[in-house]
Amino acid sequence: CTYGVGDQMAHYNVNAGLPKTLIQHVIRWIAREG
């Protein structure tokens, strides 16, 4: 990620606690159940 004024920064990061391997499954689950 790009530090400072880059994708490392936000006012609030909702994905910071999720690993990439689980994100794929969460999206698939939302596709079915969201």
PDB file of all heavy atoms in Angstrom:
ATOM      1  N   CYS A   1       0.864  -1.181   0.000  1.00  0.00           N
ATOM      2  CA  CYS A   1       0.000   0.000   0.000  1.00  0.00           C
ATOM      3  C   CYS A   1       0.901   1.232   0.000  1.00  0.00           C
ATOM      4  O   CYS A   1       2.041   1.183   0.454  1.00  0.00           O
ATOM      5  CB  CYS A   1      -0.929   0.013   1.219  1.00  0.00           C
ATOM      6  SG  CYS A   1      -0.095  -0.203   2.807  1.00  0.00           S
ATOM      7  N   THR A   2       0.360   2.305  -0.508  1.00  0.00           N
ATOM      8  CA  THR A   2       1.117   3.551  -0.610  1.00  0.00           C
ATOM      9  C   THR A   2       0.912   4.373   0.642  1.00  0.00           C
ATOM     10  O   THR A   2      -0.213   4.707   1.015  1.00  0.00           O
ATOM     11  CB  THR A   2       0.679   4.351  -1.848  1.00  0.00           C
ATOM     12  OG1 THR A   2       0.882   3.540  -3.004  1.00  0.00           O
ATOM     13  CG2 THR A   2       1.474   5.634  -1.979  1.00  0.00           C
ATOM     14  N   TYR A   3       2.026   4.713   1.284  1.00  0.00           N
ATOM     15  CA  TYR A   3       1.987   5.363   2.604  1.00  0.00           C
ATOM     16  C   TYR A   3       1.509   6.808   2.513  1.00  0.00           C
ATOM     17  O   TYR A   3       1.720   7.506   1.520  1.00  0.00           O
ATOM     18  CB  TYR A   3       3.394   5.323   3.201  1.00  0.00           C
ATOM     19  CG  TYR A   3       3.497   5.932   4.578  1.00  0.00           C
ATOM     20  CD1 TYR A   3       2.955   5.293   5.683  1.00  0.00           C
ATOM     21  CD2 TYR A   3       4.157   7.144   4.770  1.00  0.00           C
ATOM     22  CE1 TYR A   3       3.069   5.846   6.948  1.00  0.00           C
ATOM     23  CE2 TYR A   3       4.278   7.696   6.025  1.00  0.00           C
ATOM     24  CZ  TYR A   3       3.722   7.049   7.119  1.00  0.00           C
ATOM     25  OH  TYR A   3       3.823   7.604   8.365  1.00  0.00           O
ATOM     26  N   GLY A   4       0.885   7.249   3.602  1.00  0.00           N
ATOM     27  CA  GLY A   4       0.491   8.654   3.732  1.00  0.00           C
ATOM     28  C   GLY A   4      -0.701   8.978   2.865  1.00  0.00           C
ATOM     29  O   GLY A   4      -1.771   8.411   3.033  1.00  0.00           O
ATOM     30  N   VAL A   5      -0.517   9.914   1.931  1.00  0.00           N
ATOM     31  CA  VAL A   5      -1.598  10.228   0.997  1.00  0.00           C
ATOM     32  C   VAL A   5      -1.575   9.151  -0.084  1.00  0.00           C
ATOM     33  O   VAL A   5      -1.072   9.339  -1.181  1.00  0.00           O
ATOM     34  CB  VAL A   5      -1.431  11.642   0.395  1.00  0.00           C
ATOM     35  CG1 VAL A   5      -2.619  11.957  -0.504  1.00  0.00           C
ATOM     36  CG2 VAL A   5      -1.341  12.671   1.505  1.00  0.00           C
ATOM     37  N   GLY A   6      -2.110   7.994   0.275  1.00  0.00           N
ATOM     38  CA  GLY A   6      -2.166   6.835  -0.604  1.00  0.00           C
ATOM     39  C   GLY A   6      -3.192   5.877  -0.048  1.00  0.00           C
ATOM     40  O   GLY A   6      -3.918   6.191   0.900  1.00  0.00           O
ATOM     41  N   ASP A   7      -3.268   4.677  -0.606  1.00  0.00           N
ATOM     42  CA  ASP A   7      -4.313   3.754  -0.192  1.00  0.00           C
ATOM     43  C   ASP A   7      -4.094   3.193   1.210  1.00  0.00           C
ATOM     44  O   ASP A   7      -4.931   2.453   1.718  1.00  0.00           O
ATOM     45  CB  ASP A   7      -4.463   2.618  -1.205  1.00  0.00           C
ATOM     46  CG  ASP A   7      -3.146   1.905  -1.483  1.00  0.00           C
ATOM     47  OD1 ASP A   7      -2.084   2.531  -1.355  1.00  0.00           O
ATOM     48  OD2 ASP A   7      -3.191   0.717  -1.839  1.00  0.00           O
ATOM     49  N   GLN A   8      -2.975   3.533   1.855  1.00  0.00           N
ATOM     50  CA  GLN A   8      -2.785   3.160   3.254  1.00  0.00           C
ATOM     51  C   GLN A   8      -3.671   3.981   4.183  1.00  0.00           C
ATOM     52  O   GLN A   8      -3.972   3.565   5.293  1.00  0.00           O
ATOM     53  CB  GLN A   8      -1.304   3.352   3.634  1.00  0.00           C
ATOM     54  CG  GLN A   8      -0.960   3.109   5.086  1.00  0.00           C
ATOM     55  CD  GLN A   8      -0.760   4.413   5.869  1.00  0.00           C
ATOM     56  OE1 GLN A   8      -0.751   5.500   5.291  1.00  0.00           O
ATOM     57  NE2 GLN A   8      -0.610   4.303   7.168  1.00  0.00           N
ATOM     58  N   MET A   9      -4.152   5.138   3.708  1.00  0.00           N
ATOM     59  CA  MET A   9      -4.830   6.095   4.583  1.00  0.00           C
ATOM     60  C   MET A   9      -6.313   6.229   4.238  1.00  0.00           C
ATOM     61  O   MET A   9      -6.714   6.074   3.086  1.00  0.00           O
ATOM     62  CB  MET A   9      -4.134   7.457   4.500  1.00  0.00           C
ATOM     63  CG  MET A   9      -4.629   8.482   5.509  1.00  0.00           C
ATOM     64  SD  MET A   9      -4.696   7.868   7.221  1.00  0.00           S
ATOM     65  CE  MET A   9      -2.970   7.482   7.519  1.00  0.00           C
ATOM     66  N   ALA A  10      -7.121   6.503   5.249  1.00  0.00           N
ATOM     67  CA  ALA A  10      -8.559   6.756   5.103  1.00  0.00           C
ATOM     68  C   ALA A  10      -9.038   7.360   6.412  1.00  0.00           C
ATOM     69  O   ALA A  10      -8.298   7.400   7.403  1.00  0.00           O
ATOM     70  CB  ALA A  10      -9.318   5.463   4.806  1.00  0.00           C
ATOM     71  N   HIS A  11     -10.282   7.839   6.414  1.00  0.00           N
ATOM     72  CA  HIS A  11     -10.864   8.258   7.685  1.00  0.00           C
ATOM     73  C   HIS A  11     -11.256   7.042   8.529  1.00  0.00           C
ATOM     74  O   HIS A  11     -11.197   7.074   9.752  1.00  0.00           O
ATOM     75  CB  HIS A  11     -12.104   9.129   7.453  1.00  0.00           C
ATOM     76  CG  HIS A  11     -11.789  10.508   6.978  1.00  0.00           C
ATOM     77  ND1 HIS A  11     -12.209  10.985   5.750  1.00  0.00           N
ATOM     78  CD2 HIS A  11     -11.083  11.521   7.545  1.00  0.00           C
ATOM     79  CE1 HIS A  11     -11.794  12.244   5.597  1.00  0.00           C
ATOM     80  NE2 HIS A  11     -11.105  12.585   6.667  1.00  0.00           N
ATOM     81  N   TYR A  12     -11.666   5.970   7.830  1.00  0.00           N
ATOM     82  CA  TYR A  12     -12.022   4.733   8.526  1.00  0.00           C
ATOM     83  C   TYR A  12     -11.865   3.583   7.536  1.00  0.00           C
ATOM     84  O   TYR A  12     -12.373   3.643   6.414  1.00  0.00           O
ATOM     85  CB  TYR A  12     -13.468   4.779   9.035  1.00  0.00           C
ATOM     86  CG  TYR A  12     -13.778   3.717  10.071  1.00  0.00           C
ATOM     87  CD1 TYR A  12     -13.277   3.825  11.359  1.00  0.00           C
ATOM     88  CD2 TYR A  12     -14.551   2.602   9.755  1.00  0.00           C
ATOM     89  CE1 TYR A  12     -13.539   2.857  12.316  1.00  0.00           C
ATOM     90  CE2 TYR A  12     -14.826   1.628  10.704  1.00  0.00           C
ATOM     91  CZ  TYR A  12     -14.315   1.762  11.982  1.00  0.00           C
ATOM     92  OH  TYR A  12     -14.577   0.807  12.932  1.00  0.00           O
ATOM     93  N   ASN A  13     -11.129   2.542   7.946  1.00  0.00           N
ATOM     94  CA  ASN A  13     -10.837   1.440   7.027  1.00  0.00           C
ATOM     95  C   ASN A  13     -11.603   0.187   7.454  1.00  0.00           C
ATOM     96  O   ASN A  13     -11.219  -0.496   8.402  1.00  0.00           O
ATOM     97  CB  ASN A  13      -9.346   1.144   6.986  1.00  0.00           C
ATOM     98  CG  ASN A  13      -8.995   0.166   5.881  1.00  0.00           C
ATOM     99  OD1 ASN A  13      -9.865  -0.417   5.248  1.00  0.00           O
ATOM    100  ND2 ASN A  13      -7.703  -0.022   5.650  1.00  0.00           N
ATOM    101  N   VAL A  14     -12.659  -0.129   6.747  1.00  0.00           N
ATOM    102  CA  VAL A  14     -13.519  -1.248   7.144  1.00  0.00           C
ATOM    103  C   VAL A  14     -12.896  -2.608   6.858  1.00  0.00           C
ATOM    104  O   VAL A  14     -13.312  -3.620   7.433  1.00  0.00           O
ATOM    105  CB  VAL A  14     -14.896  -1.161   6.449  1.00  0.00           C
ATOM    106  CG1 VAL A  14     -15.658   0.059   6.921  1.00  0.00           C
ATOM    107  CG2 VAL A  14     -14.749  -1.164   4.929  1.00  0.00           C
ATOM    108  N   ASN A  15     -11.907  -2.658   5.956  1.00  0.00           N
ATOM    109  CA  ASN A  15     -11.295  -3.941   5.574  1.00  0.00           C
ATOM    110  C   ASN A  15     -10.015  -4.260   6.330  1.00  0.00           C
ATOM    111  O   ASN A  15      -9.424  -5.325   6.119  1.00  0.00           O
ATOM    112  CB  ASN A  15     -10.962  -3.954   4.076  1.00  0.00           C
ATOM    113  CG  ASN A  15     -12.185  -4.043   3.192  1.00  0.00           C
ATOM    114  OD1 ASN A  15     -13.263  -4.415   3.653  1.00  0.00           O
ATOM    115  ND2 ASN A  15     -12.028  -3.692   1.927  1.00  0.00           N
ATOM    116  N   ALA A  16      -9.563  -3.390   7.218  1.00  0.00           N
ATOM    117  CA  ALA A  16      -8.239  -3.548   7.836  1.00  0.00           C
ATOM    118  C   ALA A  16      -8.104  -4.837   8.629  1.00  0.00           C
ATOM    119  O   ALA A  16      -6.989  -5.331   8.826  1.00  0.00           O
ATOM    120  CB  ALA A  16      -7.940  -2.348   8.734  1.00  0.00           C
ATOM    121  N   GLY A  17      -9.206  -5.404   9.078  1.00  0.00           N
ATOM    122  CA  GLY A  17      -9.145  -6.625   9.872  1.00  0.00           C
ATOM    123  C   GLY A  17      -9.434  -7.889   9.103  1.00  0.00           C
ATOM    124  O   GLY A  17      -9.521  -8.971   9.700  1.00  0.00           O
ATOM    125  N   LEU A  18      -9.557  -7.801   7.783  1.00  0.00           N
ATOM    126  CA  LEU A  18      -9.914  -8.971   6.974  1.00  0.00           C
ATOM    127  C   LEU A  18      -8.780  -9.359   6.031  1.00  0.00           C
ATOM    128  O   LEU A  18      -8.297  -8.532   5.259  1.00  0.00           O
ATOM    129  CB  LEU A  18     -11.162  -8.692   6.134  1.00  0.00           C
ATOM    130  CG  LEU A  18     -12.523  -8.970   6.767  1.00  0.00           C
ATOM    131  CD1 LEU A  18     -13.631  -8.634   5.778  1.00  0.00           C
ATOM    132  CD2 LEU A  18     -12.642 -10.422   7.202  1.00  0.00           C
ATOM    133  N   PRO A  19      -8.338 -10.627   6.045  1.00  0.00           N
ATOM    134  CA  PRO A  19      -7.327 -11.085   5.092  1.00  0.00           C
ATOM    135  C   PRO A  19      -7.933 -11.299   3.713  1.00  0.00           C
ATOM    136  O   PRO A  19      -9.136 -11.537   3.569  1.00  0.00           O
ATOM    137  CB  PRO A  19      -6.855 -12.412   5.695  1.00  0.00           C
ATOM    138  CG  PRO A  19      -8.057 -12.913   6.431  1.00  0.00           C
ATOM    139  CD  PRO A  19      -8.743 -11.689   6.980  1.00  0.00           C
ATOM    140  N   LYS A  20      -7.090 -11.252   2.722  1.00  0.00           N
ATOM    141  CA  LYS A  20      -7.546 -11.379   1.335  1.00  0.00           C
ATOM    142  C   LYS A  20      -8.276 -12.703   1.099  1.00  0.00           C
ATOM    143  O   LYS A  20      -9.282 -12.749   0.385  1.00  0.00           O
ATOM    144  CB  LYS A  20      -6.347 -11.279   0.401  1.00  0.00           C
ATOM    145  CG  LYS A  20      -6.699 -11.166  -1.072  1.00  0.00           C
ATOM    146  CD  LYS A  20      -7.104  -9.752  -1.455  1.00  0.00           C
ATOM    147  CE  LYS A  20      -5.889  -8.847  -1.568  1.00  0.00           C
ATOM    148  NZ  LYS A  20      -6.242  -7.485  -2.015  1.00  0.00           N
ATOM    149  N   THR A  21      -7.772 -13.792   1.700  1.00  0.00           N
ATOM    150  CA  THR A  21      -8.381 -15.097   1.446  1.00  0.00           C
ATOM    151  C   THR A  21      -9.799 -15.197   1.984  1.00  0.00           C
ATOM    152  O   THR A  21     -10.609 -15.973   1.454  1.00  0.00           O
ATOM    153  CB  THR A  21      -7.519 -16.216   2.048  1.00  0.00           C
ATOM    154  OG1 THR A  21      -7.168 -15.872   3.400  1.00  0.00           O
ATOM    155  CG2 THR A  21      -6.255 -16.423   1.240  1.00  0.00           C
ATOM    156  N   LEU A  22     -10.121 -14.448   3.027  1.00  0.00           N
ATOM    157  CA  LEU A  22     -11.490 -14.478   3.546  1.00  0.00           C
ATOM    158  C   LEU A  22     -12.385 -13.499   2.803  1.00  0.00           C
ATOM    159  O   LEU A  22     -13.591 -13.739   2.645  1.00  0.00           O
ATOM    160  CB  LEU A  22     -11.499 -14.170   5.046  1.00  0.00           C
ATOM    161  CG  LEU A  22     -12.856 -14.229   5.751  1.00  0.00           C
ATOM    162  CD1 LEU A  22     -13.549 -15.565   5.528  1.00  0.00           C
ATOM    163  CD2 LEU A  22     -12.697 -13.954   7.244  1.00  0.00           C
ATOM    164  N   ILE A  23     -11.831 -12.393   2.331  1.00  0.00           N
ATOM    165  CA  ILE A  23     -12.623 -11.398   1.604  1.00  0.00           C
ATOM    166  C   ILE A  23     -13.332 -12.025   0.411  1.00  0.00           C
ATOM    167  O   ILE A  23     -14.504 -11.737   0.138  1.00  0.00           O
ATOM    168  CB  ILE A  23     -11.725 -10.221   1.161  1.00  0.00           C
ATOM    169  CG1 ILE A  23     -11.434  -9.311   2.366  1.00  0.00           C
ATOM    170  CG2 ILE A  23     -12.370  -9.409   0.036  1.00  0.00           C
ATOM    171  CD1 ILE A  23     -10.487  -8.169   2.070  1.00  0.00           C
ATOM    172  N   GLN A  24     -12.642 -12.906  -0.301  1.00  0.00           N
ATOM    173  CA  GLN A  24     -13.265 -13.551  -1.454  1.00  0.00           C
ATOM    174  C   GLN A  24     -14.533 -14.297  -1.053  1.00  0.00           C
ATOM    175  O   GLN A  24     -15.547 -14.261  -1.756  1.00  0.00           O
ATOM    176  CB  GLN A  24     -12.267 -14.514  -2.094  1.00  0.00           C
ATOM    177  CG  GLN A  24     -10.991 -13.846  -2.571  1.00  0.00           C
ATOM    178  CD  GLN A  24      -9.981 -14.845  -3.095  1.00  0.00           C
ATOM    179  OE1 GLN A  24     -10.321 -15.715  -3.880  1.00  0.00           O
ATOM    180  NE2 GLN A  24      -8.740 -14.724  -2.652  1.00  0.00           N
ATOM    181  N   HIS A  25     -14.480 -14.977   0.088  1.00  0.00           N
ATOM    182  CA  HIS A  25     -15.635 -15.762   0.534  1.00  0.00           C
ATOM    183  C   HIS A  25     -16.749 -14.867   1.055  1.00  0.00           C
ATOM    184  O   HIS A  25     -17.935 -15.184   0.893  1.00  0.00           O
ATOM    185  CB  HIS A  25     -15.189 -16.766   1.586  1.00  0.00           C
ATOM    186  CG  HIS A  25     -14.279 -17.826   1.052  1.00  0.00           C
ATOM    187  ND1 HIS A  25     -14.743 -18.928   0.374  1.00  0.00           N
ATOM    188  CD2 HIS A  25     -12.930 -17.926   1.058  1.00  0.00           C
ATOM    189  CE1 HIS A  25     -13.718 -19.676  -0.002  1.00  0.00           C
ATOM    190  NE2 HIS A  25     -12.605 -19.083   0.398  1.00  0.00           N
ATOM    191  N   VAL A  26     -16.379 -13.767   1.700  1.00  0.00           N
ATOM    192  CA  VAL A  26     -17.408 -12.835   2.171  1.00  0.00           C
ATOM    193  C   VAL A  26     -18.185 -12.274   0.977  1.00  0.00           C
ATOM    194  O   VAL A  26     -19.421 -12.178   1.004  1.00  0.00           O
ATOM    195  CB  VAL A  26     -16.782 -11.694   2.998  1.00  0.00           C
ATOM    196  CG1 VAL A  26     -17.838 -10.649   3.362  1.00  0.00           C
ATOM    197  CG2 VAL A  26     -16.135 -12.248   4.265  1.00  0.00           C
ATOM    198  N   ILE A  27     -17.470 -11.918  -0.087  1.00  0.00           N
ATOM    199  CA  ILE A  27     -18.149 -11.384  -1.279  1.00  0.00           C
ATOM    200  C   ILE A  27     -19.042 -12.452  -1.905  1.00  0.00           C
ATOM    201  O   ILE A  27     -20.181 -12.171  -2.310  1.00  0.00           O
ATOM    202  CB  ILE A  27     -17.124 -10.848  -2.294  1.00  0.00           C
ATOM    203  CG1 ILE A  27     -16.412  -9.617  -1.717  1.00  0.00           C
ATOM    204  CG2 ILE A  27     -17.809 -10.477  -3.611  1.00  0.00           C
ATOM    205  CD1 ILE A  27     -15.284  -9.087  -2.584  1.00  0.00           C
ATOM    206  N   ARG A  28     -18.545 -13.691  -1.986  1.00  0.00           N
ATOM    207  CA  ARG A  28     -19.393 -14.762  -2.527  1.00  0.00           C
ATOM    208  C   ARG A  28     -20.643 -14.960  -1.669  1.00  0.00           C
ATOM    209  O   ARG A  28     -21.733 -15.203  -2.185  1.00  0.00           O
ATOM    210  CB  ARG A  28     -18.600 -16.078  -2.594  1.00  0.00           C
ATOM    211  CG  ARG A  28     -17.511 -16.107  -3.664  1.00  0.00           C
ATOM    212  CD  ARG A  28     -16.989 -17.529  -3.844  1.00  0.00           C
ATOM    213  NE  ARG A  28     -15.858 -17.562  -4.776  1.00  0.00           N
ATOM    214  CZ  ARG A  28     -14.583 -17.640  -4.409  1.00  0.00           C
ATOM    215  NH1 ARG A  28     -14.271 -17.678  -3.130  1.00  0.00           N
ATOM    216  NH2 ARG A  28     -13.625 -17.658  -5.320  1.00  0.00           N
ATOM    217  N   TRP A  29     -20.465 -14.872  -0.369  1.00  0.00           N
ATOM    218  CA  TRP A  29     -21.611 -15.037   0.539  1.00  0.00           C
ATOM    219  C   TRP A  29     -22.614 -13.898   0.341  1.00  0.00           C
ATOM    220  O   TRP A  29     -23.830 -14.133   0.297  1.00  0.00           O
ATOM    221  CB  TRP A  29     -21.127 -15.074   1.989  1.00  0.00           C
ATOM    222  CG  TRP A  29     -22.254 -15.187   2.973  1.00  0.00           C
ATOM    223  CD1 TRP A  29     -22.872 -16.327   3.394  1.00  0.00           C
ATOM    224  CD2 TRP A  29     -22.914 -14.107   3.642  1.00  0.00           C
ATOM    225  NE1 TRP A  29     -23.872 -16.027   4.278  1.00  0.00           N
ATOM    226  CE2 TRP A  29     -23.922 -14.670   4.450  1.00  0.00           C
ATOM    227  CE3 TRP A  29     -22.754 -12.719   3.635  1.00  0.00           C
ATOM    228  CZ2 TRP A  29     -24.756 -13.890   5.248  1.00  0.00           C
ATOM    229  CZ3 TRP A  29     -23.588 -11.948   4.424  1.00  0.00           C
ATOM    230  CH2 TRP A  29     -24.571 -12.526   5.219  1.00  0.00           C
ATOM    231  N   ILE A  30     -22.127 -12.663   0.202  1.00  0.00           N
ATOM    232  CA  ILE A  30     -23.027 -11.525  -0.026  1.00  0.00           C
ATOM    233  C   ILE A  30     -23.776 -11.691  -1.344  1.00  0.00           C
ATOM    234  O   ILE A  30     -24.960 -11.360  -1.449  1.00  0.00           O
ATOM    235  CB  ILE A  30     -22.235 -10.200  -0.003  1.00  0.00           C
ATOM    236  CG1 ILE A  30     -21.667  -9.951   1.403  1.00  0.00           C
ATOM    237  CG2 ILE A  30     -23.125  -9.029  -0.413  1.00  0.00           C
ATOM    238  CD1 ILE A  30     -20.715  -8.778   1.479  1.00  0.00           C
ATOM    239  N   ALA A  31     -23.071 -12.244  -2.339  1.00  0.00           N
ATOM    240  CA  ALA A  31     -23.734 -12.487  -3.627  1.00  0.00           C
ATOM    241  C   ALA A  31     -24.932 -13.416  -3.452  1.00  0.00           C
ATOM    242  O   ALA A  31     -25.964 -13.265  -4.125  1.00  0.00           O
ATOM    243  CB  ALA A  31     -22.745 -13.087  -4.621  1.00  0.00           C
ATOM    244  N   ARG A  32     -24.800 -14.385  -2.533  1.00  0.00           N
ATOM    245  CA  ARG A  32     -25.891 -15.336  -2.309  1.00  0.00           C
ATOM    246  C   ARG A  32     -26.921 -14.827  -1.312  1.00  0.00           C
ATOM    247  O   ARG A  32     -28.121 -15.055  -1.467  1.00  0.00           O
ATOM    248  CB  ARG A  32     -25.335 -16.671  -1.788  1.00  0.00           C
ATOM    249  CG  ARG A  32     -24.398 -17.376  -2.739  1.00  0.00           C
ATOM    250  CD  ARG A  32     -24.087 -18.787  -2.242  1.00  0.00           C
ATOM    251  NE  ARG A  32     -23.636 -18.807  -0.854  1.00  0.00           N
ATOM    252  CZ  ARG A  32     -22.374 -18.670  -0.480  1.00  0.00           C
ATOM    253  NH1 ARG A  32     -21.434 -18.469  -1.394  1.00  0.00           N
ATOM    254  NH2 ARG A  32     -22.036 -18.722   0.799  1.00  0.00           N
ATOM    255  N   GLU A  33     -26.453 -14.152  -0.245  1.00  0.00           N
ATOM    256  CA  GLU A  33     -27.325 -13.871   0.892  1.00  0.00           C
ATOM    257  C   GLU A  33     -27.539 -12.386   1.192  1.00  0.00           C
ATOM    258  O   GLU A  33     -28.380 -12.045   2.022  1.00  0.00           O
ATOM    259  CB  GLU A  33     -26.735 -14.518   2.163  1.00  0.00           C
ATOM    260  CG  GLU A  33     -26.437 -16.005   2.036  1.00  0.00           C
ATOM    261  CD  GLU A  33     -27.703 -16.836   1.977  1.00  0.00           C
ATOM    262  OE1 GLU A  33     -28.769 -16.327   2.367  1.00  0.00           O
ATOM    263  OE2 GLU A  33     -27.628 -18.013   1.547  1.00  0.00           O
ATOM    264  N   GLY A  34     -26.758 -11.503   0.562  1.00  0.00           N
ATOM    265  CA  GLY A  34     -26.766 -10.099   0.972  1.00  0.00           C
ATOM    266  C   GLY A  34     -28.030  -9.337   0.670  1.00  0.00           C
ATOM    267  O   GLY A  34     -28.367  -8.374   1.355  1.00  0.00           O
TER     268      GLY A  34
END
